[in-house]
Amino acid sequence: MPNKIQARHILVEKKTLAEDIIEQINTGNKFEELAKKHSTCPSRKKGGSLGEFGRGKMVREFEQAAFALKKGQVTQVPVKTKFGYHIIKRTR
């Protein structure tokens, strides 16, 4: 079980938008481009990249979902936190 991972995310306010973005990713659209277009997080400028982080650094729901992914995987259900709805891609 890794202590640190790398991930990207797309943060939006509405669950329906998050679900639409997941569908776009599944049909071949680039995660990084969708992050730049839709995300409300400042990480959007870097294609949603959050860099490397360890356990205890993110809100619980986000951390659980991110650490459960395998490298290259994207969440197939939006992850709700107090900030909104996240689509997460584990990159390492």
PDB file of N, CA and C in Angstrom:
ATOM      1  N   MET A   1       0.843  -1.183   0.000  1.00  0.00           N
ATOM      2  CA  MET A   1       0.000   0.000   0.000  1.00  0.00           C
ATOM      3  C   MET A   1       0.892   1.252   0.000  1.00  0.00           C
ATOM      4  N   PRO A   2       0.764   2.096  -1.014  1.00  0.00           N
ATOM      5  CA  PRO A   2       1.670   3.247  -1.110  1.00  0.00           C
ATOM      6  C   PRO A   2       1.377   4.308  -0.057  1.00  0.00           C
ATOM      7  N   ASN A   3       2.422   5.004   0.357  1.00  0.00           N
ATOM      8  CA  ASN A   3       2.260   6.112   1.290  1.00  0.00           C
ATOM      9  C   ASN A   3       2.008   7.417   0.553  1.00  0.00           C
ATOM     10  N   LYS A   4       2.492   7.496  -0.701  1.00  0.00           N
ATOM     11  CA  LYS A   4       2.311   8.701  -1.506  1.00  0.00           C
ATOM     12  C   LYS A   4       1.906   8.310  -2.919  1.00  0.00           C
ATOM     13  N   ILE A   5       1.058   9.131  -3.506  1.00  0.00           N
ATOM     14  CA  ILE A   5       0.640   8.933  -4.890  1.00  0.00           C
ATOM     15  C   ILE A   5       0.651  10.289  -5.603  1.00  0.00           C
ATOM     16  N   GLN A   6       0.466  10.256  -6.908  1.00  0.00           N
ATOM     17  CA  GLN A   6       0.257  11.468  -7.685  1.00  0.00           C
ATOM     18  C   GLN A   6      -1.100  11.357  -8.360  1.00  0.00           C
ATOM     19  N   ALA A   7      -1.789  12.483  -8.461  1.00  0.00           N
ATOM     20  CA  ALA A   7      -3.112  12.464  -9.080  1.00  0.00           C
ATOM     21  C   ALA A   7      -3.433  13.805  -9.723  1.00  0.00           C
ATOM     22  N   ARG A   8      -4.400  13.751 -10.623  1.00  0.00           N
ATOM     23  CA  ARG A   8      -5.018  14.939 -11.213  1.00  0.00           C
ATOM     24  C   ARG A   8      -6.481  14.908 -10.809  1.00  0.00           C
ATOM     25  N   HIS A   9      -7.117  16.076 -10.836  1.00  0.00           N
ATOM     26  CA  HIS A   9      -8.552  16.071 -10.580  1.00  0.00           C
ATOM     27  C   HIS A   9      -9.224  17.208 -11.328  1.00  0.00           C
ATOM     28  N   ILE A  10     -10.519  17.045 -11.473  1.00  0.00           N
ATOM     29  CA  ILE A  10     -11.382  18.077 -12.036  1.00  0.00           C
ATOM     30  C   ILE A  10     -12.443  18.329 -10.969  1.00  0.00           C
ATOM     31  N   LEU A  11     -12.570  19.580 -10.549  1.00  0.00           N
ATOM     32  CA  LEU A  11     -13.539  19.954  -9.520  1.00  0.00           C
ATOM     33  C   LEU A  11     -14.638  20.804 -10.150  1.00  0.00           C
ATOM     34  N   VAL A  12     -15.890  20.367  -9.949  1.00  0.00           N
ATOM     35  CA  VAL A  12     -17.042  21.115 -10.458  1.00  0.00           C
ATOM     36  C   VAL A  12     -18.103  21.194  -9.365  1.00  0.00           C
ATOM     37  N   GLU A  13     -19.068  22.092  -9.554  1.00  0.00           N
ATOM     38  CA  GLU A  13     -20.109  22.287  -8.549  1.00  0.00           C
ATOM     39  C   GLU A  13     -21.269  21.317  -8.680  1.00  0.00           C
ATOM     40  N   LYS A  14     -21.565  20.881  -9.895  1.00  0.00           N
ATOM     41  CA  LYS A  14     -22.756  20.058 -10.124  1.00  0.00           C
ATOM     42  C   LYS A  14     -22.405  18.610 -10.458  1.00  0.00           C
ATOM     43  N   LYS A  15     -23.138  17.698  -9.823  1.00  0.00           N
ATOM     44  CA  LYS A  15     -22.926  16.265 -10.058  1.00  0.00           C
ATOM     45  C   LYS A  15     -23.192  15.908 -11.517  1.00  0.00           C
ATOM     46  N   THR A  16     -24.207  16.501 -12.128  1.00  0.00           N
ATOM     47  CA  THR A  16     -24.533  16.183 -13.516  1.00  0.00           C
ATOM     48  C   THR A  16     -23.391  16.566 -14.450  1.00  0.00           C
ATOM     49  N   LEU A  17     -22.734  17.686 -14.188  1.00  0.00           N
ATOM     50  CA  LEU A  17     -21.585  18.089 -15.002  1.00  0.00           C
ATOM     51  C   LEU A  17     -20.436  17.103 -14.810  1.00  0.00           C
ATOM     52  N   ALA A  18     -20.202  16.703 -13.572  1.00  0.00           N
ATOM     53  CA  ALA A  18     -19.142  15.721 -13.296  1.00  0.00           C
ATOM     54  C   ALA A  18     -19.410  14.420 -14.038  1.00  0.00           C
ATOM     55  N   GLU A  19     -20.647  13.962 -14.036  1.00  0.00           N
ATOM     56  CA  GLU A  19     -20.996  12.728 -14.744  1.00  0.00           C
ATOM     57  C   GLU A  19     -20.784  12.881 -16.255  1.00  0.00           C
ATOM     58  N   ASP A  20     -21.114  14.048 -16.785  1.00  0.00           N
ATOM     59  CA  ASP A  20     -20.911  14.319 -18.213  1.00  0.00           C
ATOM     60  C   ASP A  20     -19.419  14.306 -18.553  1.00  0.00           C
ATOM     61  N   ILE A  21     -18.598  14.878 -17.689  1.00  0.00           N
ATOM     62  CA  ILE A  21     -17.149  14.908 -17.924  1.00  0.00           C
ATOM     63  C   ILE A  21     -16.573  13.496 -17.881  1.00  0.00           C
ATOM     64  N   ILE A  22     -17.035  12.670 -16.952  1.00  0.00           N
ATOM     65  CA  ILE A  22     -16.584  11.267 -16.886  1.00  0.00           C
ATOM     66  C   ILE A  22     -16.911  10.558 -18.200  1.00  0.00           C
ATOM     67  N   GLU A  23     -18.096  10.801 -18.722  1.00  0.00           N
ATOM     68  CA  GLU A  23     -18.500  10.204 -20.007  1.00  0.00           C
ATOM     69  C   GLU A  23     -17.570  10.676 -21.123  1.00  0.00           C
ATOM     70  N   GLN A  24     -17.213  11.956 -21.113  1.00  0.00           N
ATOM     71  CA  GLN A  24     -16.306  12.488 -22.136  1.00  0.00           C
ATOM     72  C   GLN A  24     -14.921  11.835 -22.036  1.00  0.00           C
ATOM     73  N   ILE A  25     -14.454  11.609 -20.810  1.00  0.00           N
ATOM     74  CA  ILE A  25     -13.165  10.935 -20.612  1.00  0.00           C
ATOM     75  C   ILE A  25     -13.244   9.508 -21.146  1.00  0.00           C
ATOM     76  N   ASN A  26     -14.344   8.838 -20.844  1.00  0.00           N
ATOM     77  CA  ASN A  26     -14.517   7.442 -21.273  1.00  0.00           C
ATOM     78  C   ASN A  26     -14.628   7.295 -22.787  1.00  0.00           C
ATOM     79  N   THR A  27     -14.988   8.378 -23.476  1.00  0.00           N
ATOM     80  CA  THR A  27     -15.095   8.304 -24.936  1.00  0.00           C
ATOM     81  C   THR A  27     -13.866   8.894 -25.628  1.00  0.00           C
ATOM     82  N   GLY A  28     -12.788   9.095 -24.857  1.00  0.00           N
ATOM     83  CA  GLY A  28     -11.516   9.433 -25.476  1.00  0.00           C
ATOM     84  C   GLY A  28     -11.015  10.859 -25.321  1.00  0.00           C
ATOM     85  N   ASN A  29     -11.786  11.727 -24.682  1.00  0.00           N
ATOM     86  CA  ASN A  29     -11.309  13.095 -24.466  1.00  0.00           C
ATOM     87  C   ASN A  29     -10.201  13.100 -23.414  1.00  0.00           C
ATOM     88  N   LYS A  30      -9.251  14.007 -23.550  1.00  0.00           N
ATOM     89  CA  LYS A  30      -8.102  14.073 -22.652  1.00  0.00           C
ATOM     90  C   LYS A  30      -8.486  14.699 -21.316  1.00  0.00           C
ATOM     91  N   PHE A  31      -8.118  14.004 -20.243  1.00  0.00           N
ATOM     92  CA  PHE A  31      -8.406  14.459 -18.887  1.00  0.00           C
ATOM     93  C   PHE A  31      -7.869  15.877 -18.677  1.00  0.00           C
ATOM     94  N   GLU A  32      -6.613  16.105 -19.089  1.00  0.00           N
ATOM     95  CA  GLU A  32      -5.951  17.385 -18.858  1.00  0.00           C
ATOM     96  C   GLU A  32      -6.696  18.534 -19.530  1.00  0.00           C
ATOM     97  N   GLU A  33      -7.171  18.299 -20.750  1.00  0.00           N
ATOM     98  CA  GLU A  33      -7.903  19.344 -21.478  1.00  0.00           C
ATOM     99  C   GLU A  33      -9.245  19.636 -20.816  1.00  0.00           C
ATOM    100  N   LEU A  34      -9.921  18.584 -20.355  1.00  0.00           N
ATOM    101  CA  LEU A  34     -11.207  18.781 -19.676  1.00  0.00           C
ATOM    102  C   LEU A  34     -11.007  19.505 -18.347  1.00  0.00           C
ATOM    103  N   ALA A  35      -9.903  19.237 -17.668  1.00  0.00           N
ATOM    104  CA  ALA A  35      -9.601  19.944 -16.417  1.00  0.00           C
ATOM    105  C   ALA A  35      -9.419  21.432 -16.687  1.00  0.00           C
ATOM    106  N   LYS A  36      -8.660  21.759 -17.731  1.00  0.00           N
ATOM    107  CA  LYS A  36      -8.427  23.168 -18.074  1.00  0.00           C
ATOM    108  C   LYS A  36      -9.735  23.884 -18.434  1.00  0.00           C
ATOM    109  N   LYS A  37     -10.632  23.157 -19.067  1.00  0.00           N
ATOM    110  CA  LYS A  37     -11.892  23.746 -19.527  1.00  0.00           C
ATOM    111  C   LYS A  37     -12.935  23.876 -18.418  1.00  0.00           C
ATOM    112  N   HIS A  38     -13.039  22.868 -17.537  1.00  0.00           N
ATOM    113  CA  HIS A  38     -14.174  22.806 -16.608  1.00  0.00           C
ATOM    114  C   HIS A  38     -13.847  23.005 -15.126  1.00  0.00           C
ATOM    115  N   SER A  39     -12.650  22.675 -14.687  1.00  0.00           N
ATOM    116  CA  SER A  39     -12.367  22.653 -13.254  1.00  0.00           C
ATOM    117  C   SER A  39     -12.406  24.048 -12.637  1.00  0.00           C
ATOM    118  N   THR A  40     -12.905  24.125 -11.412  1.00  0.00           N
ATOM    119  CA  THR A  40     -12.934  25.385 -10.673  1.00  0.00           C
ATOM    120  C   THR A  40     -11.735  25.508  -9.728  1.00  0.00           C
ATOM    121  N   CYS A  41     -10.887  24.501  -9.696  1.00  0.00           N
ATOM    122  CA  CYS A  41      -9.702  24.496  -8.834  1.00  0.00           C
ATOM    123  C   CYS A  41      -8.539  25.194  -9.544  1.00  0.00           C
ATOM    124  N   PRO A  42      -7.694  25.914  -8.804  1.00  0.00           N
ATOM    125  CA  PRO A  42      -6.518  26.532  -9.433  1.00  0.00           C
ATOM    126  C   PRO A  42      -5.614  25.532 -10.165  1.00  0.00           C
ATOM    127  N   SER A  43      -5.680  24.258  -9.803  1.00  0.00           N
ATOM    128  CA  SER A  43      -4.871  23.235 -10.476  1.00  0.00           C
ATOM    129  C   SER A  43      -5.258  23.072 -11.942  1.00  0.00           C
ATOM    130  N   ARG A  44      -6.357  23.676 -12.347  1.00  0.00           N
ATOM    131  CA  ARG A  44      -6.809  23.580 -13.744  1.00  0.00           C
ATOM    132  C   ARG A  44      -5.728  24.048 -14.702  1.00  0.00           C
ATOM    133  N   LYS A  45      -4.930  25.033 -14.279  1.00  0.00           N
ATOM    134  CA  LYS A  45      -3.863  25.572 -15.135  1.00  0.00           C
ATOM    135  C   LYS A  45      -2.817  24.516 -15.465  1.00  0.00           C
ATOM    136  N   LYS A  46      -2.695  23.507 -14.583  1.00  0.00           N
ATOM    137  CA  LYS A  46      -1.726  22.419 -14.785  1.00  0.00           C
ATOM    138  C   LYS A  46      -2.430  21.137 -15.204  1.00  0.00           C
ATOM    139  N   GLY A  47      -3.581  21.270 -15.856  1.00  0.00           N
ATOM    140  CA  GLY A  47      -4.324  20.095 -16.291  1.00  0.00           C
ATOM    141  C   GLY A  47      -4.878  19.280 -15.137  1.00  0.00           C
ATOM    142  N   GLY A  48      -5.091  19.957 -14.008  1.00  0.00           N
ATOM    143  CA  GLY A  48      -5.658  19.291 -12.830  1.00  0.00           C
ATOM    144  C   GLY A  48      -4.631  18.626 -11.945  1.00  0.00           C
ATOM    145  N   SER A  49      -3.346  18.781 -12.257  1.00  0.00           N
ATOM    146  CA  SER A  49      -2.304  18.087 -11.491  1.00  0.00           C
ATOM    147  C   SER A  49      -2.218  18.601 -10.058  1.00  0.00           C
ATOM    148  N   LEU A  50      -2.240  17.654  -9.120  1.00  0.00           N
ATOM    149  CA  LEU A  50      -2.069  17.969  -7.703  1.00  0.00           C
ATOM    150  C   LEU A  50      -0.686  17.572  -7.220  1.00  0.00           C
ATOM    151  N   GLY A  51       0.119  17.010  -8.127  1.00  0.00           N
ATOM    152  CA  GLY A  51       1.451  16.557  -7.746  1.00  0.00           C
ATOM    153  C   GLY A  51       1.370  15.357  -6.820  1.00  0.00           C
ATOM    154  N   GLU A  52       2.420  15.193  -6.039  1.00  0.00           N
ATOM    155  CA  GLU A  52       2.492  14.058  -5.118  1.00  0.00           C
ATOM    156  C   GLU A  52       1.942  14.468  -3.751  1.00  0.00           C
ATOM    157  N   PHE A  53       1.191  13.555  -3.144  1.00  0.00           N
ATOM    158  CA  PHE A  53       0.681  13.815  -1.801  1.00  0.00           C
ATOM    159  C   PHE A  53       0.570  12.506  -1.040  1.00  0.00           C
ATOM    160  N   GLY A  54       0.625  12.627   0.263  1.00  0.00           N
ATOM    161  CA  GLY A  54       0.531  11.462   1.137  1.00  0.00           C
ATOM    162  C   GLY A  54      -0.807  11.407   1.840  1.00  0.00           C
ATOM    163  N   ARG A  55      -0.972  10.363   2.595  1.00  0.00           N
ATOM    164  CA  ARG A  55      -2.203  10.202   3.375  1.00  0.00           C
ATOM    165  C   ARG A  55      -2.309  11.319   4.408  1.00  0.00           C
ATOM    166  N   GLY A  56      -3.532  11.773   4.634  1.00  0.00           N
ATOM    167  CA  GLY A  56      -3.774  12.818   5.613  1.00  0.00           C
ATOM    168  C   GLY A  56      -3.639  14.228   5.062  1.00  0.00           C
ATOM    169  N   LYS A  57      -3.356  14.369   3.759  1.00  0.00           N
ATOM    170  CA  LYS A  57      -3.170  15.692   3.157  1.00  0.00           C
ATOM    171  C   LYS A  57      -4.416  16.210   2.446  1.00  0.00           C
ATOM    172  N   MET A  58      -5.332  15.322   2.095  1.00  0.00           N
ATOM    173  CA  MET A  58      -6.554  15.703   1.380  1.00  0.00           C
ATOM    174  C   MET A  58      -7.765  15.380   2.256  1.00  0.00           C
ATOM    175  N   VAL A  59      -8.918  15.939   1.911  1.00  0.00           N
ATOM    176  CA  VAL A  59     -10.127  15.598   2.654  1.00  0.00           C
ATOM    177  C   VAL A  59     -10.386  14.098   2.510  1.00  0.00           C
ATOM    178  N   ARG A  60     -11.012  13.523   3.524  1.00  0.00           N
ATOM    179  CA  ARG A  60     -11.151  12.070   3.647  1.00  0.00           C
ATOM    180  C   ARG A  60     -11.750  11.407   2.405  1.00  0.00           C
ATOM    181  N   GLU A  61     -12.852  11.938   1.888  1.00  0.00           N
ATOM    182  CA  GLU A  61     -13.523  11.305   0.749  1.00  0.00           C
ATOM    183  C   GLU A  61     -12.616  11.286  -0.483  1.00  0.00           C
ATOM    184  N   PHE A  62     -11.912  12.394  -0.694  1.00  0.00           N
ATOM    185  CA  PHE A  62     -10.999  12.486  -1.831  1.00  0.00           C
ATOM    186  C   PHE A  62      -9.860  11.498  -1.661  1.00  0.00           C
ATOM    187  N   GLU A  63      -9.252  11.491  -0.487  1.00  0.00           N
ATOM    188  CA  GLU A  63      -8.119  10.603  -0.222  1.00  0.00           C
ATOM    189  C   GLU A  63      -8.491   9.137  -0.420  1.00  0.00           C
ATOM    190  N   GLN A  64      -9.623   8.730   0.127  1.00  0.00           N
ATOM    191  CA  GLN A  64     -10.052   7.327  -0.010  1.00  0.00           C
ATOM    192  C   GLN A  64     -10.211   6.940  -1.470  1.00  0.00           C
ATOM    193  N   ALA A  65     -10.835   7.807  -2.245  1.00  0.00           N
ATOM    194  CA  ALA A  65     -11.058   7.500  -3.662  1.00  0.00           C
ATOM    195  C   ALA A  65      -9.738   7.481  -4.430  1.00  0.00           C
ATOM    196  N   ALA A  66      -8.869   8.446  -4.180  1.00  0.00           N
ATOM    197  CA  ALA A  66      -7.602   8.540  -4.909  1.00  0.00           C
ATOM    198  C   ALA A  66      -6.701   7.351  -4.622  1.00  0.00           C
ATOM    199  N   PHE A  67      -6.576   6.968  -3.361  1.00  0.00           N
ATOM    200  CA  PHE A  67      -5.703   5.855  -3.003  1.00  0.00           C
ATOM    201  C   PHE A  67      -6.273   4.503  -3.438  1.00  0.00           C
ATOM    202  N   ALA A  68      -7.579   4.437  -3.687  1.00  0.00           N
ATOM    203  CA  ALA A  68      -8.204   3.186  -4.143  1.00  0.00           C
ATOM    204  C   ALA A  68      -7.974   2.939  -5.633  1.00  0.00           C
ATOM    205  N   LEU A  69      -7.623   3.981  -6.377  1.00  0.00           N
ATOM    206  CA  LEU A  69      -7.393   3.837  -7.815  1.00  0.00           C
ATOM    207  C   LEU A  69      -6.049   3.187  -8.103  1.00  0.00           C
ATOM    208  N   LYS A  70      -5.978   2.518  -9.251  1.00  0.00           N
ATOM    209  CA  LYS A  70      -4.698   2.033  -9.766  1.00  0.00           C
ATOM    210  C   LYS A  70      -4.147   3.109 -10.688  1.00  0.00           C
ATOM    211  N   LYS A  71      -2.847   3.074 -10.942  1.00  0.00           N
ATOM    212  CA  LYS A  71      -2.213   4.052 -11.822  1.00  0.00           C
ATOM    213  C   LYS A  71      -2.939   4.080 -13.171  1.00  0.00           C
ATOM    214  N   GLY A  72      -3.304   5.285 -13.612  1.00  0.00           N
ATOM    215  CA  GLY A  72      -3.994   5.463 -14.883  1.00  0.00           C
ATOM    216  C   GLY A  72      -5.505   5.404 -14.797  1.00  0.00           C
ATOM    217  N   GLN A  73      -6.039   4.947 -13.680  1.00  0.00           N
ATOM    218  CA  GLN A  73      -7.488   4.837 -13.515  1.00  0.00           C
ATOM    219  C   GLN A  73      -8.122   6.176 -13.192  1.00  0.00           C
ATOM    220  N   VAL A  74      -9.384   6.322 -13.612  1.00  0.00           N
ATOM    221  CA  VAL A  74     -10.187   7.511 -13.340  1.00  0.00           C
ATOM    222  C   VAL A  74     -11.430   7.067 -12.572  1.00  0.00           C
ATOM    223  N   THR A  75     -11.846   7.872 -11.588  1.00  0.00           N
ATOM    224  CA  THR A  75     -13.080   7.550 -10.868  1.00  0.00           C
ATOM    225  C   THR A  75     -14.244   7.531 -11.849  1.00  0.00           C
ATOM    226  N   GLN A  76     -15.124   6.557 -11.710  1.00  0.00           N
ATOM    227  CA  GLN A  76     -16.270   6.427 -12.601  1.00  0.00           C
ATOM    228  C   GLN A  76     -17.539   7.007 -11.990  1.00  0.00           C
ATOM    229  N   VAL A  77     -17.432   7.442 -10.753  1.00  0.00           N
ATOM    230  CA  VAL A  77     -18.523   8.109 -10.038  1.00  0.00           C
ATOM    231  C   VAL A  77     -17.921   9.375  -9.436  1.00  0.00           C
ATOM    232  N   PRO A  78     -18.589  10.519  -9.555  1.00  0.00           N
ATOM    233  CA  PRO A  78     -18.045  11.736  -8.947  1.00  0.00           C
ATOM    234  C   PRO A  78     -17.874  11.566  -7.431  1.00  0.00           C
ATOM    235  N   VAL A  79     -16.792  12.122  -6.913  1.00  0.00           N
ATOM    236  CA  VAL A  79     -16.491  12.044  -5.481  1.00  0.00           C
ATOM    237  C   VAL A  79     -16.919  13.364  -4.850  1.00  0.00           C
ATOM    238  N   LYS A  80     -17.923  13.297  -3.966  1.00  0.00           N
ATOM    239  CA  LYS A  80     -18.455  14.510  -3.341  1.00  0.00           C
ATOM    240  C   LYS A  80     -17.652  14.846  -2.083  1.00  0.00           C
ATOM    241  N   THR A  81     -17.216  16.098  -2.003  1.00  0.00           N
ATOM    242  CA  THR A  81     -16.578  16.627  -0.796  1.00  0.00           C
ATOM    243  C   THR A  81     -17.220  17.980  -0.502  1.00  0.00           C
ATOM    244  N   LYS A  82     -16.765  18.620   0.550  1.00  0.00           N
ATOM    245  CA  LYS A  82     -17.303  19.941   0.892  1.00  0.00           C
ATOM    246  C   LYS A  82     -16.972  20.987  -0.179  1.00  0.00           C
ATOM    247  N   PHE A  83     -16.036  20.672  -1.068  1.00  0.00           N
ATOM    248  CA  PHE A  83     -15.635  21.599  -2.127  1.00  0.00           C
ATOM    249  C   PHE A  83     -16.464  21.460  -3.393  1.00  0.00           C
ATOM    250  N   GLY A  84     -17.129  20.321  -3.564  1.00  0.00           N
ATOM    251  CA  GLY A  84     -17.914  20.047  -4.763  1.00  0.00           C
ATOM    252  C   GLY A  84     -17.723  18.613  -5.198  1.00  0.00           C
ATOM    253  N   TYR A  85     -17.774  18.383  -6.511  1.00  0.00           N
ATOM    254  CA  TYR A  85     -17.658  17.045  -7.081  1.00  0.00           C
ATOM    255  C   TYR A  85     -16.337  16.920  -7.828  1.00  0.00           C
ATOM    256  N   HIS A  86     -15.597  15.864  -7.509  1.00  0.00           N
ATOM    257  CA  HIS A  86     -14.283  15.634  -8.090  1.00  0.00           C
ATOM    258  C   HIS A  86     -14.308  14.436  -9.033  1.00  0.00           C
ATOM    259  N   ILE A  87     -13.578  14.555 -10.118  1.00  0.00           N
ATOM    260  CA  ILE A  87     -13.215  13.424 -10.956  1.00  0.00           C
ATOM    261  C   ILE A  87     -11.711  13.288 -10.742  1.00  0.00           C
ATOM    262  N   ILE A  88     -11.273  12.118 -10.351  1.00  0.00           N
ATOM    263  CA  ILE A  88      -9.872  11.923  -9.977  1.00  0.00           C
ATOM    264  C   ILE A  88      -9.211  10.924 -10.910  1.00  0.00           C
ATOM    265  N   LYS A  89      -7.997  11.245 -11.335  1.00  0.00           N
ATOM    266  CA  LYS A  89      -7.179  10.328 -12.122  1.00  0.00           C
ATOM    267  C   LYS A  89      -5.866  10.137 -11.380  1.00  0.00           C
ATOM    268  N   ARG A  90      -5.570   8.896 -11.042  1.00  0.00           N
ATOM    269  CA  ARG A  90      -4.297   8.604 -10.404  1.00  0.00           C
ATOM    270  C   ARG A  90      -3.215   8.494 -11.477  1.00  0.00           C
ATOM    271  N   THR A  91      -2.139   9.232 -11.306  1.00  0.00           N
ATOM    272  CA  THR A  91      -1.086   9.232 -12.313  1.00  0.00           C
ATOM    273  C   THR A  91       0.166   8.499 -11.862  1.00  0.00           C
ATOM    274  N   ARG A  92       0.290   8.244 -10.580  1.00  0.00           N
ATOM    275  CA  ARG A  92       1.416   7.462 -10.080  1.00  0.00           C
ATOM    276  C   ARG A  92       1.110   6.934  -8.692  1.00  0.00           C
TER     277      ARG A  92
END
